[in-house]
Amino acid sequence: MLPAHASPTQQSLRQKSFLEEVIQNTPGDCRLLSCIQCGTCGGSCPSGQDMDHTPRAIFAMISAGLRQEVLKSNTPWYCVSCYYCMVRCPQSVHITDIMYTLKRLAIKEKVYDDSKAPDFSKSFIEWVENYGRAFELGLMSMHLIKHNPFGVFKMAGMGMGMLTKGRLAFTPTRIRGIDSLKAILNKAKELEAAA
């Protein structure tokens, strides 16, 4: 960073760091600079085992300026937006919002490597747009059939555990007020297209 007394010419010539770019492109105060590298986010993440880097590692890589490595990572794509990491973060870092920023940057620059991750994200969004919530069985079934049919055996134990605890539905259910949610999402798409 340049000192506060740098001239406007010096400031305009200096290229923005990757850290500054991520902070600037994340809505609101993302609090990324507050991260203390405790690892609570990664330990809280239901998709953490599939990520090639934990969120904590991604934040360290952002600070280190490892732009390509971060944008090629599958980590943001496996974020299911459950916000559990944000709820548990002792510094109130807006982890999920930062993951969305990284997805947008990776799409814009067409640099993500793993085609499975964007497909997973797209399927998740389709379920939410149509039903107002994720449908885990449908999401994982579609993903495994397309990318790793034999992966169902790896997931069977967790699936049975969820089923016996009543945490896995066999059919999707729509939320009440789905039309209102669709109107909000359509308006957000309009605003994004206009920006």
N, C-alpha and C. Protein backbone atom coordinates (compact mmCIF):
# COMPACT_ATOMS: atom_id res chain seq x y z
N MET A 1 0.83 -1.18 0.00
CA MET A 1 0.00 0.00 0.00
C MET A 1 0.88 1.25 0.00
N LEU A 2 0.40 2.28 -0.63
CA LEU A 2 1.11 3.56 -0.64
C LEU A 2 0.79 4.32 0.64
N PRO A 3 1.70 5.17 1.07
CA PRO A 3 1.40 5.99 2.23
C PRO A 3 0.22 6.92 1.94
N ALA A 4 -0.44 7.36 3.01
CA ALA A 4 -1.62 8.22 2.87
C ALA A 4 -1.29 9.53 2.16
N HIS A 5 -0.04 9.98 2.25
CA HIS A 5 0.33 11.26 1.64
C HIS A 5 0.77 11.12 0.18
N ALA A 6 0.61 9.92 -0.41
CA ALA A 6 1.00 9.73 -1.81
C ALA A 6 0.15 10.60 -2.71
N SER A 7 0.75 11.10 -3.76
CA SER A 7 0.03 11.98 -4.68
C SER A 7 -1.02 11.19 -5.45
N PRO A 8 -2.05 11.83 -5.99
CA PRO A 8 -3.07 11.13 -6.78
C PRO A 8 -2.46 10.40 -7.96
N THR A 9 -1.41 10.96 -8.56
CA THR A 9 -0.75 10.31 -9.69
C THR A 9 -0.11 9.00 -9.24
N GLN A 10 0.59 9.03 -8.09
CA GLN A 10 1.20 7.81 -7.57
C GLN A 10 0.13 6.76 -7.26
N GLN A 11 -0.98 7.22 -6.69
CA GLN A 11 -2.05 6.29 -6.32
C GLN A 11 -2.71 5.68 -7.56
N SER A 12 -2.88 6.45 -8.62
CA SER A 12 -3.53 5.92 -9.82
C SER A 12 -2.60 4.98 -10.59
N LEU A 13 -1.28 5.17 -10.47
CA LEU A 13 -0.32 4.31 -11.17
C LEU A 13 -0.13 2.97 -10.47
N ARG A 14 -0.33 2.94 -9.18
CA ARG A 14 -0.13 1.72 -8.41
C ARG A 14 -1.25 0.72 -8.72
N GLN A 15 -0.86 -0.50 -8.99
CA GLN A 15 -1.86 -1.53 -9.26
C GLN A 15 -2.42 -2.04 -7.93
N LYS A 16 -3.70 -2.25 -7.91
CA LYS A 16 -4.39 -2.72 -6.72
C LYS A 16 -3.91 -4.15 -6.40
N SER A 17 -3.67 -4.42 -5.12
CA SER A 17 -3.29 -5.77 -4.73
C SER A 17 -4.51 -6.69 -4.82
N PHE A 18 -4.26 -7.98 -4.87
CA PHE A 18 -5.36 -8.95 -4.92
C PHE A 18 -6.21 -8.84 -3.66
N LEU A 19 -5.58 -8.66 -2.52
CA LEU A 19 -6.31 -8.49 -1.26
C LEU A 19 -7.25 -7.29 -1.35
N GLU A 20 -6.75 -6.17 -1.83
CA GLU A 20 -7.60 -4.98 -1.98
C GLU A 20 -8.74 -5.22 -2.96
N GLU A 21 -8.45 -5.94 -4.03
CA GLU A 21 -9.47 -6.23 -5.04
C GLU A 21 -10.60 -7.08 -4.45
N VAL A 22 -10.23 -8.09 -3.69
CA VAL A 22 -11.24 -8.96 -3.07
C VAL A 22 -12.08 -8.15 -2.09
N ILE A 23 -11.43 -7.35 -1.26
CA ILE A 23 -12.17 -6.53 -0.29
C ILE A 23 -13.10 -5.55 -0.99
N GLN A 24 -12.60 -4.91 -2.04
CA GLN A 24 -13.40 -3.91 -2.76
C GLN A 24 -14.59 -4.55 -3.48
N ASN A 25 -14.43 -5.78 -3.96
CA ASN A 25 -15.50 -6.43 -4.71
C ASN A 25 -16.48 -7.22 -3.85
N THR A 26 -16.24 -7.25 -2.56
CA THR A 26 -17.16 -7.93 -1.65
C THR A 26 -18.07 -6.89 -1.02
N PRO A 27 -19.38 -7.05 -1.15
CA PRO A 27 -20.31 -6.05 -0.61
C PRO A 27 -20.14 -5.85 0.89
N GLY A 28 -20.30 -4.61 1.31
CA GLY A 28 -20.22 -4.28 2.74
C GLY A 28 -18.78 -4.39 3.26
N ASP A 29 -18.66 -4.49 4.55
CA ASP A 29 -17.36 -4.67 5.20
C ASP A 29 -17.15 -6.16 5.42
N CYS A 30 -16.35 -6.79 4.57
CA CYS A 30 -16.18 -8.25 4.64
C CYS A 30 -15.30 -8.67 5.81
N ARG A 31 -14.57 -7.74 6.41
CA ARG A 31 -13.73 -7.99 7.59
C ARG A 31 -12.61 -8.99 7.33
N LEU A 32 -12.20 -9.13 6.08
CA LEU A 32 -11.15 -10.07 5.73
C LEU A 32 -9.85 -9.77 6.48
N LEU A 33 -9.55 -8.50 6.69
CA LEU A 33 -8.32 -8.14 7.40
C LEU A 33 -8.37 -8.53 8.88
N SER A 34 -9.55 -8.89 9.37
CA SER A 34 -9.69 -9.30 10.77
C SER A 34 -9.40 -10.78 11.00
N CYS A 35 -9.24 -11.55 9.92
CA CYS A 35 -9.02 -13.00 10.05
C CYS A 35 -7.77 -13.27 10.89
N ILE A 36 -7.92 -14.13 11.91
CA ILE A 36 -6.79 -14.46 12.78
C ILE A 36 -6.24 -15.85 12.48
N GLN A 37 -6.68 -16.46 11.38
CA GLN A 37 -6.19 -17.75 10.93
C GLN A 37 -6.41 -18.87 11.97
N CYS A 38 -7.57 -18.84 12.62
CA CYS A 38 -7.85 -19.83 13.66
C CYS A 38 -8.30 -21.18 13.09
N GLY A 39 -8.87 -21.18 11.89
CA GLY A 39 -9.31 -22.42 11.26
C GLY A 39 -10.73 -22.85 11.61
N THR A 40 -11.45 -22.05 12.37
CA THR A 40 -12.82 -22.40 12.74
C THR A 40 -13.69 -22.57 11.50
N CYS A 41 -13.46 -21.74 10.49
CA CYS A 41 -14.27 -21.81 9.27
C CYS A 41 -14.15 -23.17 8.60
N GLY A 42 -12.93 -23.63 8.41
CA GLY A 42 -12.73 -24.92 7.77
C GLY A 42 -13.27 -26.07 8.59
N GLY A 43 -13.13 -25.97 9.92
CA GLY A 43 -13.64 -27.01 10.80
C GLY A 43 -15.16 -27.04 10.85
N SER A 44 -15.79 -25.94 10.47
CA SER A 44 -17.25 -25.84 10.50
C SER A 44 -17.90 -26.21 9.18
N CYS A 45 -17.12 -26.28 8.13
CA CYS A 45 -17.66 -26.39 6.77
C CYS A 45 -18.11 -27.81 6.45
N PRO A 46 -19.39 -28.01 6.06
CA PRO A 46 -19.84 -29.34 5.67
C PRO A 46 -19.22 -29.83 4.37
N SER A 47 -18.67 -28.92 3.57
CA SER A 47 -18.04 -29.30 2.30
C SER A 47 -16.51 -29.29 2.40
N GLY A 48 -15.99 -29.04 3.58
CA GLY A 48 -14.55 -28.87 3.75
C GLY A 48 -13.71 -30.00 3.22
N GLN A 49 -14.18 -31.23 3.34
CA GLN A 49 -13.40 -32.38 2.89
C GLN A 49 -13.19 -32.40 1.38
N ASP A 50 -14.06 -31.71 0.63
CA ASP A 50 -13.93 -31.69 -0.82
C ASP A 50 -13.14 -30.50 -1.34
N MET A 51 -12.86 -29.55 -0.46
CA MET A 51 -12.12 -28.34 -0.86
C MET A 51 -10.63 -28.62 -0.94
N ASP A 52 -9.98 -28.06 -1.96
CA ASP A 52 -8.55 -28.26 -2.06
C ASP A 52 -7.77 -27.37 -1.09
N HIS A 53 -8.39 -26.30 -0.60
CA HIS A 53 -7.81 -25.43 0.42
C HIS A 53 -8.92 -25.04 1.39
N THR A 54 -8.61 -24.95 2.66
CA THR A 54 -9.60 -24.47 3.63
C THR A 54 -9.83 -22.99 3.39
N PRO A 55 -10.95 -22.44 3.86
CA PRO A 55 -11.14 -21.00 3.74
C PRO A 55 -9.98 -20.22 4.38
N ARG A 56 -9.51 -20.70 5.53
CA ARG A 56 -8.38 -20.04 6.20
C ARG A 56 -7.17 -19.98 5.27
N ALA A 57 -6.88 -21.08 4.60
CA ALA A 57 -5.74 -21.10 3.67
C ALA A 57 -5.99 -20.16 2.50
N ILE A 58 -7.22 -20.13 2.00
CA ILE A 58 -7.56 -19.22 0.90
C ILE A 58 -7.31 -17.78 1.31
N PHE A 59 -7.68 -17.42 2.54
CA PHE A 59 -7.48 -16.04 3.00
C PHE A 59 -6.00 -15.71 3.11
N ALA A 60 -5.19 -16.66 3.57
CA ALA A 60 -3.75 -16.45 3.62
C ALA A 60 -3.18 -16.30 2.21
N MET A 61 -3.69 -17.09 1.27
CA MET A 61 -3.23 -17.01 -0.11
C MET A 61 -3.63 -15.68 -0.75
N ILE A 62 -4.81 -15.18 -0.41
CA ILE A 62 -5.25 -13.87 -0.91
C ILE A 62 -4.28 -12.81 -0.40
N SER A 63 -3.98 -12.84 0.89
CA SER A 63 -3.06 -11.87 1.48
C SER A 63 -1.67 -11.94 0.86
N ALA A 64 -1.28 -13.15 0.46
CA ALA A 64 0.04 -13.35 -0.15
C ALA A 64 0.05 -12.99 -1.64
N GLY A 65 -1.12 -12.64 -2.19
CA GLY A 65 -1.19 -12.24 -3.60
C GLY A 65 -1.19 -13.41 -4.57
N LEU A 66 -1.57 -14.59 -4.12
CA LEU A 66 -1.57 -15.78 -4.98
C LEU A 66 -2.87 -15.86 -5.78
N ARG A 67 -3.07 -14.88 -6.61
CA ARG A 67 -4.31 -14.70 -7.37
C ARG A 67 -4.72 -15.94 -8.17
N GLN A 68 -3.84 -16.43 -9.03
CA GLN A 68 -4.19 -17.56 -9.89
C GLN A 68 -4.52 -18.81 -9.09
N GLU A 69 -3.72 -19.09 -8.05
CA GLU A 69 -3.96 -20.27 -7.23
C GLU A 69 -5.32 -20.19 -6.54
N VAL A 70 -5.66 -19.00 -6.06
CA VAL A 70 -6.95 -18.82 -5.39
C VAL A 70 -8.10 -18.96 -6.38
N LEU A 71 -8.00 -18.30 -7.52
CA LEU A 71 -9.10 -18.32 -8.49
C LEU A 71 -9.25 -19.68 -9.16
N LYS A 72 -8.20 -20.47 -9.19
CA LYS A 72 -8.29 -21.83 -9.75
C LYS A 72 -8.73 -22.85 -8.71
N SER A 73 -8.78 -22.45 -7.47
CA SER A 73 -9.16 -23.35 -6.39
C SER A 73 -10.63 -23.76 -6.50
N ASN A 74 -10.93 -24.96 -6.03
CA ASN A 74 -12.33 -25.39 -6.02
C ASN A 74 -13.05 -24.94 -4.75
N THR A 75 -12.33 -24.36 -3.81
CA THR A 75 -12.90 -24.00 -2.51
C THR A 75 -14.17 -23.15 -2.61
N PRO A 76 -14.16 -22.02 -3.32
CA PRO A 76 -15.40 -21.22 -3.38
C PRO A 76 -16.57 -21.98 -3.99
N TRP A 77 -16.28 -22.89 -4.91
CA TRP A 77 -17.34 -23.61 -5.61
C TRP A 77 -18.02 -24.63 -4.72
N TYR A 78 -17.32 -25.12 -3.71
CA TYR A 78 -17.92 -26.09 -2.80
C TYR A 78 -18.60 -25.43 -1.61
N CYS A 79 -18.53 -24.13 -1.51
CA CYS A 79 -19.26 -23.41 -0.47
C CYS A 79 -20.74 -23.52 -0.78
N VAL A 80 -21.51 -24.05 0.16
CA VAL A 80 -22.94 -24.25 -0.06
C VAL A 80 -23.77 -23.14 0.58
N SER A 81 -23.13 -22.07 1.00
CA SER A 81 -23.80 -20.89 1.54
C SER A 81 -24.66 -21.20 2.75
N CYS A 82 -24.20 -22.08 3.61
CA CYS A 82 -24.96 -22.40 4.83
C CYS A 82 -24.69 -21.36 5.92
N TYR A 83 -23.62 -20.58 5.77
CA TYR A 83 -23.24 -19.52 6.70
C TYR A 83 -22.79 -20.03 8.07
N TYR A 84 -22.61 -21.32 8.21
CA TYR A 84 -22.19 -21.86 9.50
C TYR A 84 -20.80 -21.32 9.88
N CYS A 85 -19.94 -21.19 8.90
CA CYS A 85 -18.60 -20.65 9.16
C CYS A 85 -18.68 -19.22 9.70
N MET A 86 -19.59 -18.44 9.13
CA MET A 86 -19.73 -17.04 9.56
C MET A 86 -20.30 -16.96 10.97
N VAL A 87 -21.23 -17.83 11.28
CA VAL A 87 -21.83 -17.85 12.61
C VAL A 87 -20.76 -18.17 13.66
N ARG A 88 -19.85 -19.07 13.32
CA ARG A 88 -18.84 -19.51 14.29
C ARG A 88 -17.56 -18.68 14.27
N CYS A 89 -17.37 -17.84 13.26
CA CYS A 89 -16.12 -17.06 13.15
C CYS A 89 -15.99 -16.09 14.33
N PRO A 90 -14.90 -16.17 15.10
CA PRO A 90 -14.74 -15.26 16.25
C PRO A 90 -14.48 -13.81 15.84
N GLN A 91 -14.14 -13.57 14.58
CA GLN A 91 -13.85 -12.22 14.10
C GLN A 91 -14.95 -11.68 13.19
N SER A 92 -16.02 -12.44 13.02
CA SER A 92 -17.16 -12.04 12.17
C SER A 92 -16.74 -11.73 10.73
N VAL A 93 -15.79 -12.51 10.22
CA VAL A 93 -15.39 -12.37 8.81
C VAL A 93 -16.54 -12.89 7.96
N HIS A 94 -16.87 -12.17 6.89
CA HIS A 94 -17.98 -12.54 6.01
C HIS A 94 -17.48 -13.56 4.98
N ILE A 95 -17.22 -14.75 5.44
CA ILE A 95 -16.57 -15.80 4.66
C ILE A 95 -17.38 -16.16 3.42
N THR A 96 -18.68 -16.39 3.58
CA THR A 96 -19.52 -16.78 2.45
C THR A 96 -19.54 -15.69 1.38
N ASP A 97 -19.62 -14.44 1.80
CA ASP A 97 -19.62 -13.33 0.84
C ASP A 97 -18.31 -13.27 0.07
N ILE A 98 -17.20 -13.55 0.75
CA ILE A 98 -15.90 -13.56 0.08
C ILE A 98 -15.85 -14.70 -0.93
N MET A 99 -16.44 -15.85 -0.60
CA MET A 99 -16.46 -16.97 -1.54
C MET A 99 -17.23 -16.61 -2.81
N TYR A 100 -18.33 -15.87 -2.65
CA TYR A 100 -19.08 -15.42 -3.83
C TYR A 100 -18.22 -14.46 -4.67
N THR A 101 -17.48 -13.60 -4.02
CA THR A 101 -16.60 -12.69 -4.75
C THR A 101 -15.57 -13.47 -5.55
N LEU A 102 -14.99 -14.49 -4.94
CA LEU A 102 -13.98 -15.30 -5.63
C LEU A 102 -14.59 -16.06 -6.81
N LYS A 103 -15.81 -16.53 -6.66
CA LYS A 103 -16.49 -17.19 -7.78
C LYS A 103 -16.68 -16.22 -8.94
N ARG A 104 -17.16 -15.00 -8.61
CA ARG A 104 -17.38 -14.00 -9.67
C ARG A 104 -16.07 -13.68 -10.39
N LEU A 105 -14.99 -13.51 -9.64
CA LEU A 105 -13.69 -13.20 -10.27
C LEU A 105 -13.20 -14.36 -11.13
N ALA A 106 -13.38 -15.59 -10.65
CA ALA A 106 -12.95 -16.76 -11.42
C ALA A 106 -13.76 -16.91 -12.71
N ILE A 107 -15.05 -16.63 -12.64
CA ILE A 107 -15.90 -16.70 -13.84
C ILE A 107 -15.50 -15.61 -14.82
N LYS A 108 -15.32 -14.40 -14.30
CA LYS A 108 -14.95 -13.27 -15.14
C LYS A 108 -13.65 -13.55 -15.90
N GLU A 109 -12.70 -14.16 -15.22
CA GLU A 109 -11.39 -14.42 -15.84
C GLU A 109 -11.28 -15.81 -16.45
N LYS A 110 -12.33 -16.63 -16.29
CA LYS A 110 -12.36 -17.99 -16.83
C LYS A 110 -11.11 -18.78 -16.43
N VAL A 111 -10.82 -18.78 -15.14
CA VAL A 111 -9.60 -19.44 -14.68
C VAL A 111 -9.82 -20.64 -13.76
N TYR A 112 -11.05 -20.98 -13.43
CA TYR A 112 -11.24 -22.11 -12.54
C TYR A 112 -10.88 -23.40 -13.28
N ASP A 113 -10.29 -24.35 -12.57
CA ASP A 113 -9.82 -25.59 -13.17
C ASP A 113 -10.84 -26.72 -13.13
N ASP A 114 -11.49 -26.88 -12.04
CA ASP A 114 -12.32 -28.05 -11.79
C ASP A 114 -13.73 -27.84 -12.31
N SER A 115 -14.09 -28.50 -13.40
CA SER A 115 -15.43 -28.31 -13.97
C SER A 115 -16.51 -28.86 -13.06
N LYS A 116 -16.16 -29.77 -12.15
CA LYS A 116 -17.15 -30.34 -11.24
C LYS A 116 -17.68 -29.28 -10.28
N ALA A 117 -16.80 -28.42 -9.82
CA ALA A 117 -17.20 -27.44 -8.81
C ALA A 117 -18.23 -26.45 -9.34
N PRO A 118 -18.02 -25.82 -10.51
CA PRO A 118 -19.06 -24.93 -11.03
C PRO A 118 -20.38 -25.66 -11.31
N ASP A 119 -20.30 -26.91 -11.76
CA ASP A 119 -21.52 -27.69 -11.98
C ASP A 119 -22.27 -27.90 -10.67
N PHE A 120 -21.53 -28.21 -9.61
CA PHE A 120 -22.14 -28.39 -8.29
C PHE A 120 -22.84 -27.11 -7.85
N SER A 121 -22.14 -25.99 -8.02
CA SER A 121 -22.69 -24.69 -7.64
C SER A 121 -23.95 -24.38 -8.46
N LYS A 122 -23.90 -24.63 -9.75
CA LYS A 122 -25.05 -24.36 -10.62
C LYS A 122 -26.25 -25.21 -10.22
N SER A 123 -26.01 -26.49 -9.94
CA SER A 123 -27.11 -27.37 -9.51
C SER A 123 -27.72 -26.90 -8.20
N PHE A 124 -26.86 -26.50 -7.26
CA PHE A 124 -27.33 -26.00 -5.97
C PHE A 124 -28.22 -24.78 -6.17
N ILE A 125 -27.77 -23.85 -7.01
CA ILE A 125 -28.54 -22.62 -7.26
C ILE A 125 -29.87 -22.95 -7.92
N GLU A 126 -29.89 -23.91 -8.84
CA GLU A 126 -31.15 -24.30 -9.50
C GLU A 126 -32.17 -24.84 -8.49
N TRP A 127 -31.70 -25.66 -7.54
CA TRP A 127 -32.62 -26.16 -6.52
C TRP A 127 -33.17 -25.01 -5.69
N VAL A 128 -32.31 -24.10 -5.29
CA VAL A 128 -32.76 -22.97 -4.46
C VAL A 128 -33.72 -22.08 -5.24
N GLU A 129 -33.42 -21.82 -6.51
CA GLU A 129 -34.31 -20.98 -7.31
C GLU A 129 -35.68 -21.62 -7.51
N ASN A 130 -35.73 -22.93 -7.64
CA ASN A 130 -36.99 -23.61 -7.91
C ASN A 130 -37.78 -24.00 -6.66
N TYR A 131 -37.07 -24.25 -5.56
CA TYR A 131 -37.74 -24.73 -4.36
C TYR A 131 -37.53 -23.83 -3.13
N GLY A 132 -36.58 -22.89 -3.22
CA GLY A 132 -36.31 -22.02 -2.08
C GLY A 132 -35.36 -22.62 -1.07
N ARG A 133 -34.89 -23.82 -1.35
CA ARG A 133 -33.94 -24.51 -0.47
C ARG A 133 -33.23 -25.59 -1.27
N ALA A 134 -32.17 -26.08 -0.71
CA ALA A 134 -31.43 -27.17 -1.36
C ALA A 134 -32.17 -28.48 -1.11
N PHE A 135 -32.01 -29.39 -2.01
CA PHE A 135 -32.52 -30.76 -1.86
C PHE A 135 -31.30 -31.66 -1.96
N GLU A 136 -30.78 -32.03 -0.79
CA GLU A 136 -29.49 -32.71 -0.72
C GLU A 136 -29.43 -34.00 -1.54
N LEU A 137 -30.46 -34.82 -1.43
CA LEU A 137 -30.45 -36.09 -2.15
C LEU A 137 -30.41 -35.86 -3.66
N GLY A 138 -31.22 -34.94 -4.15
CA GLY A 138 -31.23 -34.63 -5.58
C GLY A 138 -29.93 -33.99 -6.03
N LEU A 139 -29.42 -33.08 -5.23
CA LEU A 139 -28.18 -32.39 -5.56
C LEU A 139 -27.02 -33.37 -5.67
N MET A 140 -26.86 -34.20 -4.65
CA MET A 140 -25.74 -35.14 -4.66
C MET A 140 -25.93 -36.22 -5.73
N SER A 141 -27.17 -36.67 -5.93
CA SER A 141 -27.42 -37.69 -6.96
C SER A 141 -27.03 -37.16 -8.34
N MET A 142 -27.50 -35.96 -8.67
CA MET A 142 -27.18 -35.37 -9.98
C MET A 142 -25.66 -35.20 -10.13
N HIS A 143 -25.03 -34.72 -9.08
CA HIS A 143 -23.60 -34.47 -9.13
C HIS A 143 -22.81 -35.77 -9.29
N LEU A 144 -23.16 -36.78 -8.52
CA LEU A 144 -22.42 -38.04 -8.59
C LEU A 144 -22.66 -38.76 -9.91
N ILE A 145 -23.88 -38.74 -10.41
CA ILE A 145 -24.17 -39.40 -11.69
C ILE A 145 -23.34 -38.76 -12.80
N LYS A 146 -23.25 -37.46 -12.78
CA LYS A 146 -22.53 -36.75 -13.84
C LYS A 146 -21.01 -36.88 -13.72
N HIS A 147 -20.49 -36.83 -12.49
CA HIS A 147 -19.05 -36.73 -12.33
C HIS A 147 -18.35 -37.93 -11.70
N ASN A 148 -19.07 -38.71 -10.89
CA ASN A 148 -18.40 -39.81 -10.20
C ASN A 148 -19.45 -40.82 -9.73
N PRO A 149 -19.98 -41.64 -10.64
CA PRO A 149 -21.05 -42.57 -10.27
C PRO A 149 -20.68 -43.50 -9.11
N PHE A 150 -19.41 -43.87 -9.01
CA PHE A 150 -19.01 -44.78 -7.94
C PHE A 150 -18.82 -44.06 -6.60
N GLY A 151 -18.90 -42.73 -6.63
CA GLY A 151 -18.77 -41.95 -5.40
C GLY A 151 -19.93 -42.15 -4.45
N VAL A 152 -21.02 -42.74 -4.97
CA VAL A 152 -22.18 -42.99 -4.12
C VAL A 152 -21.79 -43.93 -2.97
N PHE A 153 -20.87 -44.83 -3.21
CA PHE A 153 -20.45 -45.76 -2.16
C PHE A 153 -19.72 -45.02 -1.03
N LYS A 154 -18.97 -44.02 -1.39
CA LYS A 154 -18.23 -43.22 -0.41
C LYS A 154 -19.21 -42.41 0.45
N MET A 155 -20.31 -41.98 -0.14
CA MET A 155 -21.27 -41.12 0.55
C MET A 155 -22.36 -41.93 1.27
N ALA A 156 -22.43 -43.23 1.04
CA ALA A 156 -23.53 -44.03 1.57
C ALA A 156 -23.63 -43.96 3.09
N GLY A 157 -22.52 -44.03 3.79
CA GLY A 157 -22.55 -44.00 5.25
C GLY A 157 -23.13 -42.70 5.78
N MET A 158 -22.67 -41.59 5.23
CA MET A 158 -23.19 -40.30 5.66
C MET A 158 -24.68 -40.18 5.31
N GLY A 159 -25.05 -40.66 4.12
CA GLY A 159 -26.44 -40.60 3.70
C GLY A 159 -27.35 -41.40 4.62
N MET A 160 -26.91 -42.57 5.01
CA MET A 160 -27.71 -43.39 5.92
C MET A 160 -27.85 -42.72 7.28
N GLY A 161 -26.77 -42.11 7.74
CA GLY A 161 -26.81 -41.39 9.02
C GLY A 161 -27.80 -40.24 8.97
N MET A 162 -27.79 -39.50 7.87
CA MET A 162 -28.73 -38.38 7.71
C MET A 162 -30.16 -38.90 7.63
N LEU A 163 -30.34 -40.00 6.92
CA LEU A 163 -31.68 -40.58 6.75
C LEU A 163 -32.25 -41.04 8.09
N THR A 164 -31.45 -41.74 8.89
CA THR A 164 -31.94 -42.25 10.18
C THR A 164 -32.24 -41.13 11.17
N LYS A 165 -31.61 -39.99 10.99
CA LYS A 165 -31.85 -38.86 11.88
C LYS A 165 -32.91 -37.91 11.33
N GLY A 166 -33.54 -38.29 10.22
CA GLY A 166 -34.59 -37.46 9.64
C GLY A 166 -34.06 -36.19 8.98
N ARG A 167 -32.80 -36.20 8.56
CA ARG A 167 -32.18 -35.01 7.97
C ARG A 167 -32.06 -35.12 6.45
N LEU A 168 -32.65 -36.16 5.86
CA LEU A 168 -32.54 -36.35 4.41
C LEU A 168 -33.93 -36.68 3.87
N ALA A 169 -34.43 -35.82 3.01
CA ALA A 169 -35.75 -36.03 2.41
C ALA A 169 -35.61 -36.78 1.09
N PHE A 170 -36.64 -37.56 0.76
CA PHE A 170 -36.64 -38.30 -0.51
C PHE A 170 -37.18 -37.46 -1.65
N THR A 171 -37.93 -36.42 -1.33
CA THR A 171 -38.48 -35.54 -2.36
C THR A 171 -38.25 -34.09 -1.95
N PRO A 172 -38.09 -33.21 -2.94
CA PRO A 172 -37.91 -31.80 -2.60
C PRO A 172 -39.23 -31.17 -2.17
N THR A 173 -39.14 -30.19 -1.30
CA THR A 173 -40.33 -29.44 -0.89
C THR A 173 -40.07 -27.96 -1.11
N ARG A 174 -41.11 -27.27 -1.56
CA ARG A 174 -40.99 -25.82 -1.78
C ARG A 174 -41.27 -25.07 -0.49
N ILE A 175 -40.58 -23.96 -0.34
CA ILE A 175 -40.85 -23.09 0.79
C ILE A 175 -42.16 -22.35 0.54
N ARG A 176 -42.77 -21.86 1.62
CA ARG A 176 -43.93 -20.98 1.45
C ARG A 176 -43.41 -19.66 0.88
N GLY A 177 -44.17 -19.05 0.02
CA GLY A 177 -43.77 -17.76 -0.54
C GLY A 177 -42.70 -17.88 -1.62
N ILE A 178 -42.66 -18.99 -2.32
CA ILE A 178 -41.64 -19.18 -3.36
C ILE A 178 -41.74 -18.12 -4.45
N ASP A 179 -42.97 -17.66 -4.74
CA ASP A 179 -43.13 -16.62 -5.76
C ASP A 179 -42.45 -15.32 -5.34
N SER A 180 -42.51 -15.00 -4.06
CA SER A 180 -41.83 -13.80 -3.55
C SER A 180 -40.31 -13.95 -3.68
N LEU A 181 -39.81 -15.14 -3.34
CA LEU A 181 -38.37 -15.38 -3.48
C LEU A 181 -37.95 -15.27 -4.93
N LYS A 182 -38.73 -15.85 -5.85
CA LYS A 182 -38.40 -15.76 -7.27
C LYS A 182 -38.39 -14.31 -7.75
N ALA A 183 -39.32 -13.51 -7.26
CA ALA A 183 -39.36 -12.09 -7.64
C ALA A 183 -38.10 -11.37 -7.14
N ILE A 184 -37.68 -11.68 -5.93
CA ILE A 184 -36.45 -11.08 -5.39
C ILE A 184 -35.24 -11.49 -6.22
N LEU A 185 -35.14 -12.77 -6.53
CA LEU A 185 -34.01 -13.27 -7.32
C LEU A 185 -34.00 -12.67 -8.72
N ASN A 186 -35.18 -12.54 -9.33
CA ASN A 186 -35.25 -11.93 -10.67
C ASN A 186 -34.82 -10.47 -10.63
N LYS A 187 -35.24 -9.76 -9.59
CA LYS A 187 -34.84 -8.35 -9.45
C LYS A 187 -33.33 -8.25 -9.25
N ALA A 188 -32.76 -9.16 -8.46
CA ALA A 188 -31.30 -9.15 -8.26
C ALA A 188 -30.56 -9.40 -9.57
N LYS A 189 -31.10 -10.31 -10.40
CA LYS A 189 -30.49 -10.57 -11.71
C LYS A 189 -30.57 -9.33 -12.62
N GLU A 190 -31.71 -8.65 -12.57
CA GLU A 190 -31.86 -7.41 -13.36
C GLU A 190 -30.82 -6.37 -12.93
N LEU A 191 -30.69 -6.19 -11.62
CA LEU A 191 -29.74 -5.20 -11.10
C LEU A 191 -28.31 -5.56 -11.47
N GLU A 192 -28.00 -6.87 -11.41
CA GLU A 192 -26.65 -7.31 -11.77
C GLU A 192 -26.38 -7.08 -13.25
N ALA A 193 -27.37 -7.34 -14.09
CA ALA A 193 -27.20 -7.14 -15.54
C ALA A 193 -27.03 -5.66 -15.88
N ALA A 194 -27.70 -4.80 -15.11
CA ALA A 194 -27.62 -3.36 -15.35
C ALA A 194 -26.31 -2.75 -14.87
N ALA A 195 -25.65 -3.43 -13.94
CA ALA A 195 -24.41 -2.87 -13.35
C ALA A 195 -23.22 -2.97 -14.29
